[in-house]
Every structure is written in structure tokens, then in C-alpha cells.
N, C-alpha and C. Protein backbone atom coordinates (compact mmCIF):
# COMPACT_ATOMS: atom_id res chain seq x y z
N MET A 1 119.99 68.88 -50.26
CA MET A 1 119.37 67.81 -51.01
C MET A 1 117.91 67.67 -50.64
N ARG A 2 117.15 67.33 -51.69
CA ARG A 2 115.71 67.14 -51.49
C ARG A 2 115.42 65.72 -51.06
N LYS A 3 114.48 65.56 -50.17
CA LYS A 3 114.05 64.22 -49.76
C LYS A 3 113.04 63.69 -50.76
N LEU A 4 113.12 62.41 -51.05
CA LEU A 4 112.14 61.77 -51.93
C LEU A 4 110.84 61.54 -51.17
N LYS A 5 109.71 61.77 -51.86
CA LYS A 5 108.41 61.54 -51.24
C LYS A 5 108.12 60.05 -51.23
N ARG A 6 107.54 59.57 -50.15
CA ARG A 6 107.16 58.17 -50.03
C ARG A 6 105.66 58.08 -49.80
N GLY A 7 105.07 56.95 -50.28
CA GLY A 7 103.66 56.71 -50.03
C GLY A 7 102.78 57.19 -51.18
N LEU A 8 101.48 57.06 -50.96
CA LEU A 8 100.49 57.43 -51.96
C LEU A 8 99.77 58.69 -51.53
N THR A 9 99.39 59.45 -52.51
CA THR A 9 98.54 60.60 -52.19
C THR A 9 97.10 60.13 -52.12
N LEU A 10 96.24 60.94 -51.58
CA LEU A 10 94.83 60.59 -51.45
C LEU A 10 94.18 60.43 -52.82
N VAL A 11 94.56 61.23 -53.78
CA VAL A 11 94.00 61.14 -55.13
C VAL A 11 94.39 59.80 -55.78
N GLU A 12 95.64 59.40 -55.64
CA GLU A 12 96.06 58.12 -56.20
C GLU A 12 95.31 56.95 -55.57
N LEU A 13 95.10 57.01 -54.29
CA LEU A 13 94.36 55.96 -53.59
C LEU A 13 92.91 55.89 -54.06
N ILE A 14 92.26 57.01 -54.23
CA ILE A 14 90.87 57.04 -54.70
C ILE A 14 90.78 56.51 -56.12
N ILE A 15 91.71 56.87 -56.99
CA ILE A 15 91.71 56.36 -58.37
C ILE A 15 91.87 54.85 -58.38
N ALA A 16 92.75 54.32 -57.55
CA ALA A 16 92.94 52.87 -57.47
C ALA A 16 91.67 52.17 -56.99
N LEU A 17 90.98 52.75 -56.02
CA LEU A 17 89.74 52.16 -55.52
C LEU A 17 88.64 52.20 -56.57
N VAL A 18 88.53 53.28 -57.33
CA VAL A 18 87.52 53.39 -58.38
C VAL A 18 87.77 52.35 -59.46
N ILE A 19 89.01 52.19 -59.88
CA ILE A 19 89.34 51.17 -60.89
C ILE A 19 89.01 49.77 -60.37
N SER A 20 89.33 49.49 -59.11
CA SER A 20 89.02 48.19 -58.52
C SER A 20 87.51 47.95 -58.47
N ALA A 21 86.75 48.97 -58.15
CA ALA A 21 85.29 48.83 -58.09
C ALA A 21 84.71 48.57 -59.47
N ILE A 22 85.22 49.23 -60.50
CA ILE A 22 84.74 49.02 -61.87
C ILE A 22 85.04 47.59 -62.31
N LEU A 23 86.23 47.09 -62.01
CA LEU A 23 86.58 45.71 -62.37
C LEU A 23 85.71 44.70 -61.62
N ALA A 24 85.42 44.97 -60.35
CA ALA A 24 84.57 44.07 -59.56
C ALA A 24 83.14 44.05 -60.12
N LEU A 25 82.63 45.19 -60.53
CA LEU A 25 81.28 45.24 -61.11
C LEU A 25 81.23 44.51 -62.44
N ALA A 26 82.29 44.58 -63.21
CA ALA A 26 82.33 43.88 -64.50
C ALA A 26 82.39 42.36 -64.31
N ALA A 27 83.01 41.91 -63.23
CA ALA A 27 83.17 40.47 -63.00
C ALA A 27 82.01 39.85 -62.24
N ALA A 28 81.15 40.65 -61.64
CA ALA A 28 80.07 40.12 -60.79
C ALA A 28 79.16 39.11 -61.48
N PRO A 29 78.68 39.33 -62.71
CA PRO A 29 77.80 38.33 -63.33
C PRO A 29 78.50 36.99 -63.54
N TYR A 30 79.76 37.03 -63.88
CA TYR A 30 80.51 35.79 -64.10
C TYR A 30 80.77 35.06 -62.79
N LEU A 31 80.93 35.81 -61.73
CA LEU A 31 81.13 35.20 -60.42
C LEU A 31 79.89 34.43 -59.99
N GLY A 32 78.71 34.98 -60.30
CA GLY A 32 77.46 34.27 -59.98
C GLY A 32 77.36 32.95 -60.70
N ASP A 33 77.71 32.92 -61.99
CA ASP A 33 77.71 31.67 -62.76
C ASP A 33 78.74 30.70 -62.20
N TYR A 34 79.90 31.21 -61.80
CA TYR A 34 80.94 30.35 -61.25
C TYR A 34 80.46 29.69 -59.96
N VAL A 35 79.84 30.46 -59.09
CA VAL A 35 79.34 29.91 -57.82
C VAL A 35 78.25 28.87 -58.09
N ALA A 36 77.33 29.17 -59.02
CA ALA A 36 76.26 28.22 -59.34
C ALA A 36 76.84 26.93 -59.91
N ASN A 37 77.80 27.04 -60.83
CA ASN A 37 78.42 25.84 -61.40
C ASN A 37 79.18 25.04 -60.35
N SER A 38 79.82 25.74 -59.41
CA SER A 38 80.53 25.04 -58.33
C SER A 38 79.55 24.26 -57.46
N ARG A 39 78.42 24.85 -57.14
CA ARG A 39 77.41 24.16 -56.33
C ARG A 39 76.85 22.95 -57.07
N LEU A 40 76.61 23.10 -58.37
CA LEU A 40 76.10 21.98 -59.16
C LEU A 40 77.13 20.85 -59.23
N ARG A 41 78.40 21.19 -59.43
CA ARG A 41 79.45 20.16 -59.46
C ARG A 41 79.55 19.44 -58.12
N GLU A 42 79.47 20.20 -57.04
CA GLU A 42 79.53 19.59 -55.71
C GLU A 42 78.35 18.64 -55.49
N ALA A 43 77.16 19.06 -55.90
CA ALA A 43 75.98 18.20 -55.77
C ALA A 43 76.12 16.95 -56.63
N GLY A 44 76.67 17.10 -57.84
CA GLY A 44 76.90 15.95 -58.71
C GLY A 44 77.87 14.97 -58.10
N ASN A 45 78.93 15.48 -57.51
CA ASN A 45 79.91 14.60 -56.86
C ASN A 45 79.31 13.91 -55.64
N THR A 46 78.45 14.61 -54.91
CA THR A 46 77.76 14.00 -53.77
C THR A 46 76.85 12.87 -54.24
N LEU A 47 76.10 13.12 -55.30
CA LEU A 47 75.21 12.09 -55.84
C LEU A 47 76.01 10.90 -56.35
N LEU A 48 77.12 11.15 -57.02
CA LEU A 48 77.98 10.06 -57.49
C LEU A 48 78.51 9.24 -56.32
N ALA A 49 78.97 9.90 -55.28
CA ALA A 49 79.49 9.20 -54.10
C ALA A 49 78.41 8.34 -53.44
N GLN A 50 77.19 8.89 -53.34
CA GLN A 50 76.10 8.13 -52.72
C GLN A 50 75.70 6.92 -53.59
N THR A 51 75.77 7.08 -54.90
CA THR A 51 75.45 5.98 -55.80
C THR A 51 76.48 4.87 -55.69
N LEU A 52 77.75 5.25 -55.65
CA LEU A 52 78.81 4.25 -55.48
C LEU A 52 78.69 3.56 -54.13
N LEU A 53 78.29 4.32 -53.10
CA LEU A 53 78.09 3.73 -51.78
C LEU A 53 76.92 2.74 -51.81
N ALA A 54 75.84 3.09 -52.49
CA ALA A 54 74.69 2.18 -52.59
C ALA A 54 75.10 0.89 -53.29
N GLN A 55 75.84 1.00 -54.36
CA GLN A 55 76.31 -0.19 -55.08
C GLN A 55 77.22 -1.03 -54.19
N SER A 56 78.11 -0.38 -53.47
CA SER A 56 79.03 -1.08 -52.57
C SER A 56 78.27 -1.76 -51.42
N GLU A 57 77.28 -1.07 -50.87
CA GLU A 57 76.48 -1.65 -49.78
C GLU A 57 75.71 -2.88 -50.27
N ALA A 58 75.19 -2.82 -51.49
CA ALA A 58 74.46 -3.97 -52.03
C ALA A 58 75.40 -5.18 -52.14
N ARG A 59 76.61 -4.94 -52.59
CA ARG A 59 77.57 -6.05 -52.71
C ARG A 59 78.01 -6.57 -51.35
N SER A 60 78.37 -5.66 -50.44
CA SER A 60 78.91 -6.11 -49.16
C SER A 60 77.84 -6.75 -48.26
N ARG A 61 76.60 -6.26 -48.32
CA ARG A 61 75.52 -6.83 -47.52
C ARG A 61 74.86 -8.03 -48.20
N ASN A 62 75.11 -8.16 -49.50
CA ASN A 62 74.52 -9.23 -50.31
C ASN A 62 72.99 -9.16 -50.30
N VAL A 63 72.47 -7.92 -50.36
CA VAL A 63 71.03 -7.67 -50.39
C VAL A 63 70.76 -6.55 -51.39
N PRO A 64 69.53 -6.44 -51.89
CA PRO A 64 69.22 -5.32 -52.76
C PRO A 64 69.17 -4.00 -51.97
N VAL A 65 69.72 -2.96 -52.59
CA VAL A 65 69.76 -1.64 -51.98
C VAL A 65 69.18 -0.64 -52.97
N ARG A 66 68.36 0.27 -52.47
CA ARG A 66 67.74 1.29 -53.31
C ARG A 66 68.36 2.65 -53.00
N LEU A 67 68.69 3.36 -54.07
CA LEU A 67 69.09 4.76 -53.97
C LEU A 67 67.86 5.55 -54.40
N SER A 68 67.34 6.35 -53.49
CA SER A 68 66.14 7.13 -53.77
C SER A 68 66.51 8.60 -53.78
N VAL A 69 66.26 9.26 -54.91
CA VAL A 69 66.55 10.69 -55.05
C VAL A 69 65.21 11.40 -55.24
N ALA A 70 64.83 12.20 -54.26
CA ALA A 70 63.56 12.93 -54.31
C ALA A 70 63.85 14.38 -53.95
N GLY A 71 63.74 15.25 -54.94
CA GLY A 71 64.04 16.66 -54.70
C GLY A 71 65.51 16.82 -54.35
N ASN A 72 65.78 17.36 -53.17
CA ASN A 72 67.17 17.51 -52.75
C ASN A 72 67.56 16.49 -51.68
N ASN A 73 66.78 15.42 -51.56
CA ASN A 73 67.03 14.39 -50.55
C ASN A 73 67.53 13.11 -51.22
N ILE A 74 68.65 12.58 -50.75
CA ILE A 74 69.21 11.33 -51.27
C ILE A 74 69.19 10.31 -50.13
N ARG A 75 68.54 9.16 -50.38
CA ARG A 75 68.42 8.14 -49.34
C ARG A 75 68.90 6.79 -49.85
N LEU A 76 69.59 6.05 -48.99
CA LEU A 76 69.97 4.66 -49.26
C LEU A 76 69.12 3.77 -48.39
N LEU A 77 68.46 2.80 -49.02
CA LEU A 77 67.54 1.92 -48.30
C LEU A 77 67.87 0.46 -48.55
N ASP A 78 67.86 -0.34 -47.50
CA ASP A 78 67.97 -1.79 -47.62
C ASP A 78 66.56 -2.30 -47.89
N ILE A 79 66.33 -2.81 -49.10
CA ILE A 79 64.98 -3.23 -49.48
C ILE A 79 64.84 -4.75 -49.51
N SER A 80 65.70 -5.46 -48.77
CA SER A 80 65.64 -6.92 -48.77
C SER A 80 64.35 -7.42 -48.12
N ALA A 81 63.80 -6.66 -47.17
CA ALA A 81 62.57 -7.08 -46.51
C ALA A 81 61.34 -6.52 -47.19
N GLY A 82 61.51 -5.82 -48.30
CA GLY A 82 60.38 -5.23 -49.03
C GLY A 82 60.26 -3.74 -48.77
N ALA A 83 59.23 -3.17 -49.39
CA ALA A 83 59.03 -1.72 -49.27
C ALA A 83 58.56 -1.39 -47.87
N PRO A 84 58.81 -0.28 -47.31
CA PRO A 84 59.57 0.84 -47.86
C PRO A 84 61.07 0.70 -47.69
N GLY A 85 61.54 -0.27 -46.93
CA GLY A 85 62.97 -0.49 -46.75
C GLY A 85 63.50 0.13 -45.47
N VAL A 86 64.68 -0.31 -45.11
CA VAL A 86 65.34 0.18 -43.90
C VAL A 86 66.34 1.26 -44.31
N LEU A 87 66.24 2.41 -43.69
CA LEU A 87 67.10 3.53 -44.03
C LEU A 87 68.54 3.23 -43.59
N LEU A 88 69.47 3.29 -44.54
CA LEU A 88 70.88 3.10 -44.24
C LEU A 88 71.61 4.43 -44.12
N ARG A 89 71.24 5.36 -44.97
CA ARG A 89 71.92 6.66 -44.98
C ARG A 89 71.02 7.68 -45.67
N GLU A 90 71.11 8.91 -45.22
CA GLU A 90 70.33 9.99 -45.82
C GLU A 90 71.20 11.24 -45.89
N GLN A 91 71.12 11.93 -47.01
CA GLN A 91 71.87 13.16 -47.19
C GLN A 91 71.01 14.16 -47.94
N THR A 92 71.11 15.40 -47.55
CA THR A 92 70.32 16.46 -48.19
C THR A 92 71.26 17.42 -48.90
N LEU A 93 70.94 17.73 -50.16
CA LEU A 93 71.73 18.69 -50.92
C LEU A 93 71.36 20.10 -50.47
N ALA A 94 72.23 21.05 -50.72
CA ALA A 94 71.97 22.44 -50.36
C ALA A 94 70.67 22.91 -51.01
N ALA A 95 70.00 23.86 -50.39
CA ALA A 95 68.63 24.26 -50.72
C ALA A 95 68.30 24.47 -52.20
N PRO A 96 69.01 25.27 -52.98
CA PRO A 96 68.51 25.48 -54.35
C PRO A 96 68.80 24.33 -55.30
N LEU A 97 69.50 23.31 -54.85
CA LEU A 97 69.85 22.17 -55.70
C LEU A 97 68.86 21.04 -55.52
N ALA A 98 68.51 20.38 -56.64
CA ALA A 98 67.56 19.27 -56.57
C ALA A 98 67.69 18.42 -57.82
N ALA A 99 67.13 17.22 -57.73
CA ALA A 99 67.05 16.36 -58.91
C ALA A 99 65.93 16.88 -59.80
N ALA A 100 66.11 16.77 -61.11
CA ALA A 100 65.10 17.24 -62.05
C ALA A 100 63.80 16.43 -61.90
N ALA A 101 63.92 15.15 -61.55
CA ALA A 101 62.76 14.29 -61.33
C ALA A 101 63.10 13.29 -60.24
N ASP A 102 62.09 12.90 -59.46
CA ASP A 102 62.31 11.89 -58.43
C ASP A 102 62.65 10.56 -59.10
N THR A 103 63.68 9.90 -58.60
CA THR A 103 64.18 8.67 -59.22
C THR A 103 64.57 7.66 -58.17
N ASN A 104 64.28 6.40 -58.44
CA ASN A 104 64.75 5.29 -57.62
C ASN A 104 65.67 4.42 -58.46
N ILE A 105 66.78 4.02 -57.87
CA ILE A 105 67.72 3.12 -58.54
C ILE A 105 67.93 1.94 -57.61
N ASP A 106 67.59 0.75 -58.10
CA ASP A 106 67.76 -0.46 -57.30
C ASP A 106 68.99 -1.22 -57.77
N PHE A 107 69.84 -1.58 -56.81
CA PHE A 107 71.01 -2.40 -57.08
C PHE A 107 70.77 -3.77 -56.48
N GLY A 108 71.05 -4.81 -57.26
CA GLY A 108 70.95 -6.16 -56.74
C GLY A 108 72.17 -6.50 -55.91
N SER A 109 72.19 -7.68 -55.34
CA SER A 109 73.30 -8.08 -54.47
C SER A 109 74.62 -8.18 -55.21
N ASP A 110 74.57 -8.21 -56.56
CA ASP A 110 75.80 -8.25 -57.35
C ASP A 110 76.26 -6.84 -57.74
N GLY A 111 75.54 -5.80 -57.33
CA GLY A 111 75.92 -4.43 -57.64
C GLY A 111 75.43 -3.93 -58.97
N ARG A 112 74.63 -4.74 -59.66
CA ARG A 112 74.08 -4.32 -60.95
C ARG A 112 72.67 -3.81 -60.77
N LEU A 113 72.20 -3.09 -61.80
CA LEU A 113 70.82 -2.61 -61.76
C LEU A 113 69.86 -3.78 -61.72
N ARG A 114 68.78 -3.58 -61.04
CA ARG A 114 67.70 -4.55 -61.07
C ARG A 114 66.40 -3.80 -61.27
N PRO A 115 65.36 -4.48 -61.78
CA PRO A 115 64.10 -3.78 -62.04
C PRO A 115 63.46 -3.30 -60.74
N LEU A 116 62.73 -2.18 -60.83
CA LEU A 116 62.05 -1.64 -59.66
C LEU A 116 60.89 -2.53 -59.24
N ASN A 117 60.21 -3.15 -60.22
CA ASN A 117 59.09 -4.03 -59.93
C ASN A 117 59.40 -5.43 -60.45
N PRO A 118 59.04 -6.48 -59.68
CA PRO A 118 59.28 -7.84 -60.16
C PRO A 118 58.56 -8.09 -61.49
N GLY A 119 59.23 -8.75 -62.40
CA GLY A 119 58.66 -9.05 -63.71
C GLY A 119 58.99 -8.01 -64.77
N ASP A 120 59.40 -6.81 -64.35
CA ASP A 120 59.81 -5.79 -65.32
C ASP A 120 61.20 -6.13 -65.84
N PRO A 121 61.53 -5.69 -67.05
CA PRO A 121 62.89 -5.91 -67.55
C PRO A 121 63.89 -5.01 -66.81
N VAL A 122 65.13 -5.42 -66.81
CA VAL A 122 66.19 -4.60 -66.21
C VAL A 122 66.40 -3.38 -67.10
N PRO A 123 66.36 -2.17 -66.54
CA PRO A 123 66.55 -0.98 -67.37
C PRO A 123 67.96 -0.95 -67.95
N ALA A 124 68.07 -0.48 -69.19
CA ALA A 124 69.38 -0.38 -69.83
C ALA A 124 70.22 0.71 -69.17
N GLU A 125 69.54 1.77 -68.73
CA GLU A 125 70.24 2.88 -68.09
C GLU A 125 69.24 3.66 -67.25
N VAL A 126 69.71 4.16 -66.13
CA VAL A 126 68.90 5.03 -65.29
C VAL A 126 69.66 6.35 -65.18
N ALA A 127 68.94 7.45 -65.32
CA ALA A 127 69.58 8.77 -65.30
C ALA A 127 68.97 9.64 -64.22
N VAL A 128 69.82 10.42 -63.58
CA VAL A 128 69.40 11.43 -62.62
C VAL A 128 70.08 12.73 -63.02
N ASN A 129 69.30 13.73 -63.35
CA ASN A 129 69.84 15.03 -63.72
C ASN A 129 69.62 16.01 -62.58
N LEU A 130 70.63 16.79 -62.29
CA LEU A 130 70.53 17.79 -61.23
C LEU A 130 70.27 19.17 -61.83
N VAL A 131 69.51 19.97 -61.12
CA VAL A 131 69.21 21.34 -61.55
C VAL A 131 69.34 22.28 -60.37
N LEU A 132 69.49 23.54 -60.71
CA LEU A 132 69.47 24.60 -59.71
C LEU A 132 68.07 25.19 -59.77
N THR A 133 67.31 25.08 -58.71
CA THR A 133 65.90 25.50 -58.71
C THR A 133 65.79 26.96 -59.15
N GLY A 134 64.87 27.19 -60.09
CA GLY A 134 64.65 28.54 -60.58
C GLY A 134 65.61 28.96 -61.67
N SER A 135 66.39 28.02 -62.20
CA SER A 135 67.38 28.35 -63.22
C SER A 135 67.37 27.28 -64.30
N ASN A 136 67.69 27.66 -65.51
CA ASN A 136 67.75 26.71 -66.62
C ASN A 136 69.19 26.30 -66.88
N CYS A 137 69.35 25.07 -67.34
CA CYS A 137 70.67 24.60 -67.74
C CYS A 137 70.99 25.20 -69.10
N SER A 138 72.22 25.62 -69.27
CA SER A 138 72.64 26.23 -70.53
C SER A 138 74.14 26.06 -70.66
N ALA A 139 74.71 26.72 -71.66
CA ALA A 139 76.16 26.67 -71.84
C ALA A 139 76.87 27.36 -70.67
N ASP A 140 76.21 28.36 -70.07
CA ASP A 140 76.81 29.05 -68.93
C ASP A 140 76.58 28.32 -67.62
N ARG A 141 75.42 27.67 -67.50
CA ARG A 141 75.09 26.95 -66.28
C ARG A 141 75.00 25.48 -66.62
N ARG A 142 76.04 24.73 -66.30
CA ARG A 142 76.14 23.32 -66.68
C ARG A 142 75.62 22.43 -65.55
N CYS A 143 74.52 21.76 -65.82
CA CYS A 143 73.89 20.89 -64.83
C CYS A 143 74.42 19.46 -65.02
N PRO A 144 75.00 18.87 -63.99
CA PRO A 144 75.53 17.51 -64.14
C PRO A 144 74.42 16.46 -64.13
N GLY A 145 74.73 15.32 -64.70
CA GLY A 145 73.79 14.21 -64.73
C GLY A 145 74.50 12.92 -64.39
N LEU A 146 73.84 12.06 -63.65
CA LEU A 146 74.38 10.77 -63.28
C LEU A 146 73.78 9.70 -64.19
N ARG A 147 74.59 8.79 -64.67
CA ARG A 147 74.13 7.69 -65.52
C ARG A 147 74.58 6.38 -64.89
N VAL A 148 73.62 5.47 -64.70
CA VAL A 148 73.90 4.14 -64.17
C VAL A 148 73.46 3.14 -65.24
N GLU A 149 74.39 2.32 -65.71
CA GLU A 149 74.09 1.36 -66.76
C GLU A 149 73.76 0.00 -66.16
N ALA A 150 73.10 -0.84 -66.95
CA ALA A 150 72.65 -2.14 -66.49
C ALA A 150 73.80 -3.00 -65.97
N GLY A 151 74.96 -2.89 -66.57
CA GLY A 151 76.11 -3.69 -66.13
C GLY A 151 76.72 -3.23 -64.84
N GLY A 152 76.26 -2.09 -64.32
CA GLY A 152 76.78 -1.59 -63.05
C GLY A 152 77.71 -0.40 -63.20
N ALA A 153 78.01 0.01 -64.43
CA ALA A 153 78.88 1.16 -64.64
C ALA A 153 78.16 2.44 -64.22
N ILE A 154 78.88 3.30 -63.52
CA ILE A 154 78.32 4.56 -63.04
C ILE A 154 79.23 5.68 -63.49
N ARG A 155 78.64 6.74 -64.07
CA ARG A 155 79.45 7.87 -64.49
C ARG A 155 78.68 9.17 -64.26
N LEU A 156 79.43 10.21 -64.05
CA LEU A 156 78.86 11.54 -63.85
C LEU A 156 79.18 12.36 -65.09
N CYS A 157 78.13 12.85 -65.75
CA CYS A 157 78.29 13.71 -66.93
C CYS A 157 78.35 15.14 -66.46
N GLY A 158 79.29 15.89 -66.99
CA GLY A 158 79.47 17.27 -66.56
C GLY A 158 78.43 18.22 -67.06
N ASP A 159 77.72 17.88 -68.13
CA ASP A 159 76.78 18.81 -68.73
C ASP A 159 75.66 18.02 -69.40
N THR A 160 74.45 18.11 -68.89
CA THR A 160 73.33 17.34 -69.47
C THR A 160 72.70 18.04 -70.66
N THR A 161 73.16 19.26 -71.00
CA THR A 161 72.63 19.91 -72.20
C THR A 161 73.25 19.29 -73.45
N GLN A 162 74.31 18.53 -73.27
CA GLN A 162 74.94 17.81 -74.38
C GLN A 162 74.78 16.32 -74.13
N THR A 163 75.09 15.51 -75.15
CA THR A 163 74.96 14.07 -74.95
C THR A 163 76.03 13.58 -73.99
N CYS A 164 75.65 12.67 -73.16
CA CYS A 164 76.56 12.12 -72.16
C CYS A 164 77.04 10.77 -72.64
N SER A 165 78.30 10.68 -72.98
CA SER A 165 78.81 9.40 -73.46
C SER A 165 80.06 8.99 -72.71
């Protein structure tokens, strides 16, 4: 009786590796978009968490609190004693992530938006859009945006290239 052969030959192994390499090369561009979108989502969730914390701190301390977003730096400040405020918390986003524009959001002691300058009207909405430095937002690269409404509602939009409702 003949014995059955077990295992792979060297040719079969090389063919399997070549096919795997071709599939990996085909998927590489999509993997880059996936990683970029994951980083943007993570930064959006961080910004949302910090905004909710700022609103909560304003209510619990019964003082106005400012959320300051400058580049990739997010700061919470107690502004009850005036500018520049007392730093409550600071967080930095990963290097290529940043806000599209520097923005300050002031919460009153009731957790609602308040004007940045005395005498100004209360803004109807304040927006912070996140971007990946050196990259444009598109259908493939979805940049999240944070929206804070005058009544205190806070929401994170998954894609600022479309309307956020």
C-alpha cells in the first residue's frame, strides 16, 4: 500500500504567499482610509466627551465654564473670575488631528450656551469641525463635527460634508 502524502509542497506555499501579497496590496489604500476615519471618529468622541464634561462642570460648580478648542488642544476653563480663567482640564488630540478653526464655547451655570462677550446675543449654535491635517474631507474621509445649540443640546455629526441635523 502507498502512503498518502501530507503537508504542502514549496510551490504551493509560494503560490499562497503570492496570492496573499496581491490581496494585501489591493486592500492597502482602503486600509489607510479606514485608519484615518477611525482616528477622526475617536477625536470626535473625545471632543464630545470634553464638551459634555464642560457642560456638567458648569452645572455642578454653578459657574461659567469655557471649552476652548485651539488646533489639537482642548481645554476646560473656569471663567467665573474672568479671563483667562482657571484651567480645569486639558487634553491633546493625536498629532495629525485638529479643529478646522479655533473655537470657544461658553456654558453658563445652567449648562446652556452663553455669549462670549457681555452684551452679545446668545449664539443659536456653535460648531467645531475636526480635520485631518493635510487631508480634505470627502465621501471617503468623513470629518466629524460637533454642534452645540443654545438650549444646551450637544450632538456629534458623523460627516460635516453633509448637513448635520
